[in-house]
Amino acid sequence: MSKSVKGPIAGAGGPAFRTLLRHWRTRRSLSQIALAEETGISIRHLSFLETGRSLPSREMVQRLAESLDLSPADRNALLLSAGYAPTYHFDDIATEEFDALERMFEVILSQQKSFPTLVIDEAWNIRMRNAAATSVFGAFRQSYQLPDSIADNALHILCHPDGLRQFMPNWAEYVEPFVREINREASMALGSAAERLRDALHSYPGIPDATDLSERRAGAMQPLTTMRLQRKNTSLSFHTAFTTFNLPFALKPQYIKIECLYPADPATARIVERLAGSPT
């Protein structure tokens, strides 16, 4: 799980590290005095680290990450920003580790049986879905075909030109917070599955780039977005809500997302109720 590296790869203490350190100290509402005391270093030393006048050792980066109570992915990002190899390796999610979580997710999916619900891993792969999701999206999926390597990836399904986007009249509006979120995830975990996914998505036409996004409202993914689907004479509208589980360090799948889709109008509710009661 861990990897011992004595020296920095390159650029330790560079702008990325300074920026990220200040970001997390501010995010945790800690003054330099408070963080220095928590880490057991002098205020002068912390100030030098934040301005780049001192270079952090690997041990110092780890101590700061501990004091800031960072998640495994964010600890990796801080190490990488300082030029060190990451400690936690969880891009390849072990099946047996995910299986241990299935019972909990099965309960959630069962409770949401009348509404389409998906379990999505940190690489945005759909790992589980309930019968309502299969029924609702089944008709759309029959109308498009993606390569097997991306056929069950939620963001590829959403962004690929031949995927679900062709049935979404509000696709440009709907996709923006998703692209913003994968950009954020990729920037916090360099070399990760998120970074590779971000690069793949930006190869598709119409995906907003960083400049476009910076000119719009900044911030992380909104908890509630609206998906509109149109196929032949059928129109569906869903409010999409996400819940993210930040799992213990011992487990590789650190960030599991539960996506729940709730009918946004009475007509959609009637269609979903009918489909949910149909054999799958």
C-alpha atoms as a PDB file:
ATOM      1  CA  MET A   1       0.000   0.000   0.000  1.00  0.00           C
ATOM      2  CA  SER A   2       2.838   2.373   0.747  1.00  0.00           C
ATOM      3  CA  LYS A   3       6.064   3.145  -1.027  1.00  0.00           C
ATOM      4  CA  SER A   4       9.239   4.389   0.576  1.00  0.00           C
ATOM      5  CA  VAL A   5      10.941   7.235  -1.263  1.00  0.00           C
ATOM      6  CA  LYS A   6      13.756   9.142   0.392  1.00  0.00           C
ATOM      7  CA  GLY A   7      14.187  12.129  -1.875  1.00  0.00           C
ATOM      8  CA  PRO A   8      11.970  14.308  -4.014  1.00  0.00           C
ATOM      9  CA  ILE A   9      11.274  13.444  -7.629  1.00  0.00           C
ATOM     10  CA  ALA A  10      11.623  17.035  -8.775  1.00  0.00           C
ATOM     11  CA  GLY A  11      10.638  20.553  -7.833  1.00  0.00           C
ATOM     12  CA  ALA A  12      10.058  20.057  -4.109  1.00  0.00           C
ATOM     13  CA  GLY A  13       8.653  23.169  -2.502  1.00  0.00           C
ATOM     14  CA  GLY A  14       7.531  24.582  -5.841  1.00  0.00           C
ATOM     15  CA  PRO A  15       4.524  26.826  -6.471  1.00  0.00           C
ATOM     16  CA  ALA A  16       2.096  23.894  -6.501  1.00  0.00           C
ATOM     17  CA  PHE A  17       3.087  22.834  -2.985  1.00  0.00           C
ATOM     18  CA  ARG A  18       2.951  26.365  -1.600  1.00  0.00           C
ATOM     19  CA  THR A  19      -0.441  26.963  -3.168  1.00  0.00           C
ATOM     20  CA  LEU A  20      -1.869  23.669  -1.970  1.00  0.00           C
ATOM     21  CA  LEU A  21      -0.533  24.102   1.566  1.00  0.00           C
ATOM     22  CA  ARG A  22      -2.092  27.551   1.887  1.00  0.00           C
ATOM     23  CA  HIS A  23      -5.299  26.252   0.320  1.00  0.00           C
ATOM     24  CA  TRP A  24      -5.722  23.514   2.926  1.00  0.00           C
ATOM     25  CA  ARG A  25      -4.687  25.697   5.851  1.00  0.00           C
ATOM     26  CA  THR A  26      -7.323  28.242   4.797  1.00  0.00           C
ATOM     27  CA  ARG A  27      -9.886  25.504   4.116  1.00  0.00           C
ATOM     28  CA  ARG A  28      -9.356  24.189   7.660  1.00  0.00           C
ATOM     29  CA  SER A  29      -9.648  27.765   9.059  1.00  0.00           C
ATOM     30  CA  LEU A  30      -6.212  27.496  10.671  1.00  0.00           C
ATOM     31  CA  SER A  31      -3.851  30.368  11.258  1.00  0.00           C
ATOM     32  CA  GLN A  32      -0.137  29.873  10.685  1.00  0.00           C
ATOM     33  CA  ILE A  33       0.310  29.813  14.457  1.00  0.00           C
ATOM     34  CA  ALA A  34      -2.320  27.096  14.909  1.00  0.00           C
ATOM     35  CA  LEU A  35      -0.966  24.877  12.127  1.00  0.00           C
ATOM     36  CA  ALA A  36       2.626  25.331  13.279  1.00  0.00           C
ATOM     37  CA  GLU A  37       1.690  24.326  16.820  1.00  0.00           C
ATOM     38  CA  GLU A  38      -0.304  21.323  15.593  1.00  0.00           C
ATOM     39  CA  THR A  39       2.604  20.172  13.417  1.00  0.00           C
ATOM     40  CA  GLY A  40       5.261  20.866  16.048  1.00  0.00           C
ATOM     41  CA  ILE A  41       7.282  23.358  14.021  1.00  0.00           C
ATOM     42  CA  SER A  42       8.035  27.046  14.345  1.00  0.00           C
ATOM     43  CA  ILE A  43       5.871  29.714  12.755  1.00  0.00           C
ATOM     44  CA  ARG A  44       8.996  30.884  10.914  1.00  0.00           C
ATOM     45  CA  HIS A  45       9.490  27.445   9.370  1.00  0.00           C
ATOM     46  CA  LEU A  46       5.854  27.216   8.261  1.00  0.00           C
ATOM     47  CA  SER A  47       6.035  30.711   6.804  1.00  0.00           C
ATOM     48  CA  PHE A  48       9.145  29.750   4.850  1.00  0.00           C
ATOM     49  CA  LEU A  49       7.392  26.647   3.527  1.00  0.00           C
ATOM     50  CA  GLU A  50       4.413  28.697   2.368  1.00  0.00           C
ATOM     51  CA  THR A  51       6.617  31.256   0.608  1.00  0.00           C
ATOM     52  CA  GLY A  52       9.044  28.738  -0.874  1.00  0.00           C
ATOM     53  CA  ARG A  53      12.060  29.890   1.117  1.00  0.00           C
ATOM     54  CA  SER A  54      12.330  26.402   2.652  1.00  0.00           C
ATOM     55  CA  LEU A  55      11.957  23.048   0.917  1.00  0.00           C
ATOM     56  CA  PRO A  56       9.795  20.455   2.676  1.00  0.00           C
ATOM     57  CA  SER A  57      11.126  16.993   3.381  1.00  0.00           C
ATOM     58  CA  ARG A  58       8.871  14.025   2.688  1.00  0.00           C
ATOM     59  CA  GLU A  59       8.397  13.606   6.439  1.00  0.00           C
ATOM     60  CA  MET A  60       7.409  17.264   6.781  1.00  0.00           C
ATOM     61  CA  VAL A  61       4.816  16.944   4.020  1.00  0.00           C
ATOM     62  CA  GLN A  62       3.361  13.910   5.766  1.00  0.00           C
ATOM     63  CA  ARG A  63       3.277  15.700   9.123  1.00  0.00           C
ATOM     64  CA  LEU A  64       1.492  18.671   7.586  1.00  0.00           C
ATOM     65  CA  ALA A  65      -0.996  16.354   5.869  1.00  0.00           C
ATOM     66  CA  GLU A  66      -1.691  14.680   9.210  1.00  0.00           C
ATOM     67  CA  SER A  67      -2.182  18.028  10.944  1.00  0.00           C
ATOM     68  CA  LEU A  68      -4.528  19.143   8.169  1.00  0.00           C
ATOM     69  CA  ASP A  69      -6.471  15.851   8.409  1.00  0.00           C
ATOM     70  CA  LEU A  70      -6.278  15.251   4.667  1.00  0.00           C
ATOM     71  CA  SER A  71      -7.853  12.296   2.890  1.00  0.00           C
ATOM     72  CA  PRO A  72      -5.559   9.744   1.187  1.00  0.00           C
ATOM     73  CA  ALA A  73      -6.091  11.344  -2.227  1.00  0.00           C
ATOM     74  CA  ASP A  74      -5.363  14.807  -0.861  1.00  0.00           C
ATOM     75  CA  ARG A  75      -2.244  13.527   0.962  1.00  0.00           C
ATOM     76  CA  ASN A  76      -1.051  12.064  -2.327  1.00  0.00           C
ATOM     77  CA  ALA A  77      -1.694  15.392  -4.051  1.00  0.00           C
ATOM     78  CA  LEU A  78       0.305  17.284  -1.421  1.00  0.00           C
ATOM     79  CA  LEU A  79       3.198  14.820  -1.748  1.00  0.00           C
ATOM     80  CA  LEU A  80       3.139  15.063  -5.539  1.00  0.00           C
ATOM     81  CA  SER A  81       3.036  18.857  -5.426  1.00  0.00           C
ATOM     82  CA  ALA A  82       6.235  18.756  -3.345  1.00  0.00           C
ATOM     83  CA  GLY A  83       7.890  16.353  -5.782  1.00  0.00           C
ATOM     84  CA  TYR A  84       7.463  13.114  -3.831  1.00  0.00           C
ATOM     85  CA  ALA A  85       5.878   9.834  -4.876  1.00  0.00           C
ATOM     86  CA  PRO A  86       2.400   9.207  -3.431  1.00  0.00           C
ATOM     87  CA  THR A  87       1.926   7.002  -0.390  1.00  0.00           C
ATOM     88  CA  TYR A  88      -1.537   5.652  -1.101  1.00  0.00           C
ATOM     89  CA  HIS A  89      -2.256   3.644  -4.231  1.00  0.00           C
ATOM     90  CA  PHE A  90      -5.900   3.041  -5.009  1.00  0.00           C
ATOM     91  CA  ASP A  91      -6.435   3.649  -8.716  1.00  0.00           C
ATOM     92  CA  ASP A  92      -7.012  -0.062  -9.293  1.00  0.00           C
ATOM     93  CA  ILE A  93      -9.913  -0.924  -7.059  1.00  0.00           C
ATOM     94  CA  ALA A  94      -9.653  -4.500  -5.854  1.00  0.00           C
ATOM     95  CA  THR A  95     -12.831  -6.460  -6.484  1.00  0.00           C
ATOM     96  CA  GLU A  96     -12.679  -8.210  -3.120  1.00  0.00           C
ATOM     97  CA  GLU A  97     -12.456  -4.859  -1.322  1.00  0.00           C
ATOM     98  CA  PHE A  98     -15.447  -3.486  -3.192  1.00  0.00           C
ATOM     99  CA  ASP A  99     -17.380  -6.692  -2.549  1.00  0.00           C
ATOM    100  CA  ALA A 100     -17.098  -6.032   1.179  1.00  0.00           C
ATOM    101  CA  LEU A 101     -19.134  -2.841   0.676  1.00  0.00           C
ATOM    102  CA  GLU A 102     -21.830  -4.325  -1.519  1.00  0.00           C
ATOM    103  CA  ARG A 103     -24.217  -5.198   1.296  1.00  0.00           C
ATOM    104  CA  MET A 104     -24.401  -1.578   2.403  1.00  0.00           C
ATOM    105  CA  PHE A 105     -24.957  -0.362  -1.151  1.00  0.00           C
ATOM    106  CA  GLU A 106     -27.563  -3.037  -1.827  1.00  0.00           C
ATOM    107  CA  VAL A 107     -29.603  -1.667   1.072  1.00  0.00           C
ATOM    108  CA  ILE A 108     -29.374   1.847  -0.365  1.00  0.00           C
ATOM    109  CA  LEU A 109     -30.342   0.672  -3.848  1.00  0.00           C
ATOM    110  CA  SER A 110     -33.272  -1.272  -2.418  1.00  0.00           C
ATOM    111  CA  GLN A 111     -34.539   1.738  -0.496  1.00  0.00           C
ATOM    112  CA  GLN A 112     -34.381   3.765  -3.712  1.00  0.00           C
ATOM    113  CA  LYS A 113     -36.096   1.038  -5.759  1.00  0.00           C
ATOM    114  CA  SER A 114     -38.651   3.435  -7.263  1.00  0.00           C
ATOM    115  CA  PHE A 115     -35.962   5.863  -8.443  1.00  0.00           C
ATOM    116  CA  PRO A 116     -32.935   5.273 -10.702  1.00  0.00           C
ATOM    117  CA  THR A 117     -29.855   4.968  -8.482  1.00  0.00           C
ATOM    118  CA  LEU A 118     -26.224   4.235  -9.352  1.00  0.00           C
ATOM    119  CA  VAL A 119     -23.122   3.378  -7.322  1.00  0.00           C
ATOM    120  CA  ILE A 120     -20.113   5.048  -8.950  1.00  0.00           C
ATOM    121  CA  ASP A 121     -16.485   4.468  -7.966  1.00  0.00           C
ATOM    122  CA  GLU A 122     -13.685   7.043  -7.794  1.00  0.00           C
ATOM    123  CA  ALA A 123     -12.899   6.516 -11.503  1.00  0.00           C
ATOM    124  CA  TRP A 124     -16.579   7.220 -12.296  1.00  0.00           C
ATOM    125  CA  ASN A 125     -17.238   3.611 -13.289  1.00  0.00           C
ATOM    126  CA  ILE A 126     -20.774   2.395 -12.585  1.00  0.00           C
ATOM    127  CA  ARG A 127     -20.313  -0.485 -10.165  1.00  0.00           C
ATOM    128  CA  MET A 128     -23.937  -1.127  -9.225  1.00  0.00           C
ATOM    129  CA  ARG A 129     -27.374   0.022 -10.390  1.00  0.00           C
ATOM    130  CA  ASN A 130     -30.903  -0.725  -9.272  1.00  0.00           C
ATOM    131  CA  ALA A 131     -33.732  -2.065 -11.419  1.00  0.00           C
ATOM    132  CA  ALA A 132     -35.215   1.408 -11.912  1.00  0.00           C
ATOM    133  CA  ALA A 133     -31.954   2.657 -13.437  1.00  0.00           C
ATOM    134  CA  THR A 134     -31.807  -0.355 -15.746  1.00  0.00           C
ATOM    135  CA  SER A 135     -35.416   0.188 -16.846  1.00  0.00           C
ATOM    136  CA  VAL A 136     -35.234   3.941 -17.354  1.00  0.00           C
ATOM    137  CA  PHE A 137     -31.912   4.043 -19.182  1.00  0.00           C
ATOM    138  CA  GLY A 138     -32.355   0.730 -20.981  1.00  0.00           C
ATOM    139  CA  ALA A 139     -34.331   2.259 -23.859  1.00  0.00           C
ATOM    140  CA  PHE A 140     -31.710   4.945 -24.392  1.00  0.00           C
ATOM    141  CA  ARG A 141     -28.839   2.480 -24.175  1.00  0.00           C
ATOM    142  CA  GLN A 142     -30.389   0.372 -26.922  1.00  0.00           C
ATOM    143  CA  SER A 143     -30.063   3.412 -29.199  1.00  0.00           C
ATOM    144  CA  TYR A 144     -26.296   3.875 -28.813  1.00  0.00           C
ATOM    145  CA  GLN A 145     -23.212   1.716 -28.437  1.00  0.00           C
ATOM    146  CA  LEU A 146     -19.919   2.706 -26.837  1.00  0.00           C
ATOM    147  CA  PRO A 147     -16.644   0.751 -26.756  1.00  0.00           C
ATOM    148  CA  ASP A 148     -16.625  -1.871 -24.007  1.00  0.00           C
ATOM    149  CA  SER A 149     -13.756  -0.086 -22.214  1.00  0.00           C
ATOM    150  CA  ILE A 150     -15.932   2.959 -21.482  1.00  0.00           C
ATOM    151  CA  ALA A 151     -19.456   1.532 -21.765  1.00  0.00           C
ATOM    152  CA  ASP A 152     -19.989   1.574 -17.984  1.00  0.00           C
ATOM    153  CA  ASN A 153     -18.213   4.828 -17.164  1.00  0.00           C
ATOM    154  CA  ALA A 154     -20.732   7.474 -16.106  1.00  0.00           C
ATOM    155  CA  LEU A 155     -18.815  10.441 -17.531  1.00  0.00           C
ATOM    156  CA  HIS A 156     -17.985   8.769 -20.830  1.00  0.00           C
ATOM    157  CA  ILE A 157     -21.663   7.819 -21.195  1.00  0.00           C
ATOM    158  CA  LEU A 158     -22.588  11.431 -20.524  1.00  0.00           C
ATOM    159  CA  CYS A 159     -19.912  13.120 -22.660  1.00  0.00           C
ATOM    160  CA  HIS A 160     -19.163  10.804 -25.587  1.00  0.00           C
ATOM    161  CA  PRO A 161     -20.717  12.202 -28.808  1.00  0.00           C
ATOM    162  CA  ASP A 162     -22.436   8.871 -29.433  1.00  0.00           C
ATOM    163  CA  GLY A 163     -23.580   8.463 -25.841  1.00  0.00           C
ATOM    164  CA  LEU A 164     -26.425   9.826 -23.760  1.00  0.00           C
ATOM    165  CA  ARG A 165     -25.739  13.455 -24.651  1.00  0.00           C
ATOM    166  CA  GLN A 166     -27.560  13.062 -27.982  1.00  0.00           C
ATOM    167  CA  PHE A 167     -30.795  12.612 -26.030  1.00  0.00           C
ATOM    168  CA  MET A 168     -30.224  15.564 -23.675  1.00  0.00           C
ATOM    169  CA  PRO A 169     -31.577  18.939 -24.861  1.00  0.00           C
ATOM    170  CA  ASN A 170     -29.867  20.657 -21.897  1.00  0.00           C
ATOM    171  CA  TRP A 171     -26.597  18.714 -22.211  1.00  0.00           C
ATOM    172  CA  ALA A 172     -24.298  21.758 -22.341  1.00  0.00           C
ATOM    173  CA  GLU A 173     -25.794  23.126 -19.129  1.00  0.00           C
ATOM    174  CA  TYR A 174     -25.976  19.752 -17.411  1.00  0.00           C
ATOM    175  CA  VAL A 175     -22.423  18.628 -18.182  1.00  0.00           C
ATOM    176  CA  GLU A 176     -20.662  21.737 -16.858  1.00  0.00           C
ATOM    177  CA  PRO A 177     -20.620  20.836 -13.135  1.00  0.00           C
ATOM    178  CA  PHE A 178     -19.457  17.307 -14.002  1.00  0.00           C
ATOM    179  CA  VAL A 179     -16.533  18.620 -16.037  1.00  0.00           C
ATOM    180  CA  ARG A 180     -15.727  21.095 -13.285  1.00  0.00           C
ATOM    181  CA  GLU A 181     -15.720  18.259 -10.761  1.00  0.00           C
ATOM    182  CA  ILE A 182     -13.446  15.924 -12.754  1.00  0.00           C
ATOM    183  CA  ASN A 183     -11.073  18.851 -13.344  1.00  0.00           C
ATOM    184  CA  ARG A 184     -10.991  19.449  -9.590  1.00  0.00           C
ATOM    185  CA  GLU A 185     -10.452  15.770  -8.794  1.00  0.00           C
ATOM    186  CA  ALA A 186      -7.666  15.494 -11.375  1.00  0.00           C
ATOM    187  CA  SER A 187      -5.871  18.583 -10.048  1.00  0.00           C
ATOM    188  CA  MET A 188      -5.878  17.151  -6.528  1.00  0.00           C
ATOM    189  CA  ALA A 189      -4.488  13.732  -7.499  1.00  0.00           C
ATOM    190  CA  LEU A 190      -1.950  14.025 -10.301  1.00  0.00           C
ATOM    191  CA  GLY A 191      -1.286  10.862 -12.280  1.00  0.00           C
ATOM    192  CA  SER A 192      -4.537   9.344 -11.054  1.00  0.00           C
ATOM    193  CA  ALA A 193      -7.465   7.744 -12.817  1.00  0.00           C
ATOM    194  CA  ALA A 194      -9.222  11.116 -12.475  1.00  0.00           C
ATOM    195  CA  GLU A 195      -6.470  12.854 -14.436  1.00  0.00           C
ATOM    196  CA  ARG A 196      -6.593  10.259 -17.201  1.00  0.00           C
ATOM    197  CA  LEU A 197     -10.389  10.485 -17.327  1.00  0.00           C
ATOM    198  CA  ARG A 198     -10.278  14.277 -17.515  1.00  0.00           C
ATOM    199  CA  ASP A 199      -7.867  14.150 -20.450  1.00  0.00           C
ATOM    200  CA  ALA A 200     -10.037  11.588 -22.260  1.00  0.00           C
ATOM    201  CA  LEU A 201     -13.189  13.681 -21.800  1.00  0.00           C
ATOM    202  CA  HIS A 202     -11.497  16.807 -23.124  1.00  0.00           C
ATOM    203  CA  SER A 203     -10.855  14.980 -26.398  1.00  0.00           C
ATOM    204  CA  TYR A 204     -14.621  15.053 -27.049  1.00  0.00           C
ATOM    205  CA  PRO A 205     -16.184  18.011 -28.872  1.00  0.00           C
ATOM    206  CA  GLY A 206     -18.086  20.571 -26.872  1.00  0.00           C
ATOM    207  CA  ILE A 207     -16.448  19.886 -23.500  1.00  0.00           C
ATOM    208  CA  PRO A 208     -15.795  23.240 -21.783  1.00  0.00           C
ATOM    209  CA  ASP A 209     -12.112  23.885 -21.139  1.00  0.00           C
ATOM    210  CA  ALA A 210     -10.558  25.422 -18.045  1.00  0.00           C
ATOM    211  CA  THR A 211     -10.759  28.941 -19.511  1.00  0.00           C
ATOM    212  CA  ASP A 212     -14.465  28.588 -20.225  1.00  0.00           C
ATOM    213  CA  LEU A 213     -15.138  27.299 -16.732  1.00  0.00           C
ATOM    214  CA  SER A 214     -13.079  30.012 -15.040  1.00  0.00           C
ATOM    215  CA  GLU A 215     -15.270  32.642 -16.655  1.00  0.00           C
ATOM    216  CA  ARG A 216     -18.348  31.068 -15.102  1.00  0.00           C
ATOM    217  CA  ARG A 217     -19.312  30.359 -11.539  1.00  0.00           C
ATOM    218  CA  ALA A 218     -16.479  28.629  -9.698  1.00  0.00           C
ATOM    219  CA  GLY A 219     -16.924  25.908  -7.135  1.00  0.00           C
ATOM    220  CA  ALA A 220     -17.334  22.187  -6.688  1.00  0.00           C
ATOM    221  CA  MET A 221     -20.091  20.069  -8.107  1.00  0.00           C
ATOM    222  CA  GLN A 222     -23.570  21.156  -7.036  1.00  0.00           C
ATOM    223  CA  PRO A 223     -25.557  18.703  -4.894  1.00  0.00           C
ATOM    224  CA  LEU A 224     -28.595  18.944  -7.178  1.00  0.00           C
ATOM    225  CA  THR A 225     -28.642  19.209 -10.976  1.00  0.00           C
ATOM    226  CA  THR A 226     -31.402  18.577 -13.531  1.00  0.00           C
ATOM    227  CA  MET A 227     -31.174  15.975 -16.309  1.00  0.00           C
ATOM    228  CA  ARG A 228     -33.566  16.275 -19.241  1.00  0.00           C
ATOM    229  CA  LEU A 229     -33.958  13.373 -21.667  1.00  0.00           C
ATOM    230  CA  GLN A 230     -35.871  13.296 -24.944  1.00  0.00           C
ATOM    231  CA  ARG A 231     -36.404  10.217 -27.116  1.00  0.00           C
ATOM    232  CA  LYS A 232     -39.113  10.062 -29.773  1.00  0.00           C
ATOM    233  CA  ASN A 233     -42.296  11.215 -27.987  1.00  0.00           C
ATOM    234  CA  THR A 234     -41.012  10.587 -24.475  1.00  0.00           C
ATOM    235  CA  SER A 235     -39.629  13.394 -22.317  1.00  0.00           C
ATOM    236  CA  LEU A 236     -38.092  12.761 -18.902  1.00  0.00           C
ATOM    237  CA  SER A 237     -36.794  15.208 -16.336  1.00  0.00           C
ATOM    238  CA  PHE A 238     -34.810  14.230 -13.240  1.00  0.00           C
ATOM    239  CA  HIS A 239     -33.261  16.069 -10.352  1.00  0.00           C
ATOM    240  CA  THR A 240     -29.867  14.415  -9.865  1.00  0.00           C
ATOM    241  CA  ALA A 241     -28.412  14.286  -6.360  1.00  0.00           C
ATOM    242  CA  PHE A 242     -24.997  12.954  -5.340  1.00  0.00           C
ATOM    243  CA  THR A 243     -23.822  11.577  -2.027  1.00  0.00           C
ATOM    244  CA  THR A 244     -20.093  10.927  -1.636  1.00  0.00           C
ATOM    245  CA  PHE A 245     -18.642   8.405   0.808  1.00  0.00           C
ATOM    246  CA  ASN A 246     -15.112   9.104   2.010  1.00  0.00           C
ATOM    247  CA  LEU A 247     -14.065   5.622   3.125  1.00  0.00           C
ATOM    248  CA  PRO A 248     -11.362   4.611   5.624  1.00  0.00           C
ATOM    249  CA  PHE A 249      -7.707   4.613   4.625  1.00  0.00           C
ATOM    250  CA  ALA A 250      -7.528   0.816   4.672  1.00  0.00           C
ATOM    251  CA  LEU A 251      -9.839   0.516   1.694  1.00  0.00           C
ATOM    252  CA  LYS A 252      -8.740   1.347  -1.823  1.00  0.00           C
ATOM    253  CA  PRO A 253     -12.049   2.736  -3.149  1.00  0.00           C
ATOM    254  CA  GLN A 254     -11.789   5.973  -1.207  1.00  0.00           C
ATOM    255  CA  TYR A 255     -14.518   7.972  -2.904  1.00  0.00           C
ATOM    256  CA  ILE A 256     -17.755   6.218  -3.758  1.00  0.00           C
ATOM    257  CA  LYS A 257     -20.581   8.301  -5.188  1.00  0.00           C
ATOM    258  CA  ILE A 258     -24.253   7.406  -4.959  1.00  0.00           C
ATOM    259  CA  GLU A 259     -26.203   9.092  -7.755  1.00  0.00           C
ATOM    260  CA  CYS A 260     -29.962   9.273  -7.177  1.00  0.00           C
ATOM    261  CA  LEU A 261     -32.367  10.546  -9.822  1.00  0.00           C
ATOM    262  CA  TYR A 262     -35.717  11.880  -8.673  1.00  0.00           C
ATOM    263  CA  PRO A 263     -38.573  12.791 -11.061  1.00  0.00           C
ATOM    264  CA  ALA A 264     -38.689  16.535 -11.565  1.00  0.00           C
ATOM    265  CA  ASP A 265     -42.283  16.591 -12.814  1.00  0.00           C
ATOM    266  CA  PRO A 266     -45.487  14.498 -12.514  1.00  0.00           C
ATOM    267  CA  ALA A 267     -45.194  13.073 -16.034  1.00  0.00           C
ATOM    268  CA  THR A 268     -41.722  11.691 -15.335  1.00  0.00           C
ATOM    269  CA  ALA A 269     -42.920  10.303 -12.005  1.00  0.00           C
ATOM    270  CA  ARG A 270     -45.704   8.356 -13.745  1.00  0.00           C
ATOM    271  CA  ILE A 271     -43.324   6.931 -16.358  1.00  0.00           C
ATOM    272  CA  VAL A 272     -40.746   5.940 -13.744  1.00  0.00           C
ATOM    273  CA  GLU A 273     -43.412   4.307 -11.579  1.00  0.00           C
ATOM    274  CA  ARG A 274     -44.613   2.285 -14.551  1.00  0.00           C
ATOM    275  CA  LEU A 275     -41.102   1.248 -15.608  1.00  0.00           C
ATOM    276  CA  ALA A 276     -40.063   0.404 -12.053  1.00  0.00           C
ATOM    277  CA  GLY A 277     -42.865  -2.108 -11.894  1.00  0.00           C
ATOM    278  CA  SER A 278     -41.945  -3.714 -15.211  1.00  0.00           C
ATOM    279  CA  PRO A 279     -39.779  -6.835 -15.483  1.00  0.00           C
ATOM    280  CA  THR A 280     -36.117  -6.084 -16.274  1.00  0.00           C
END
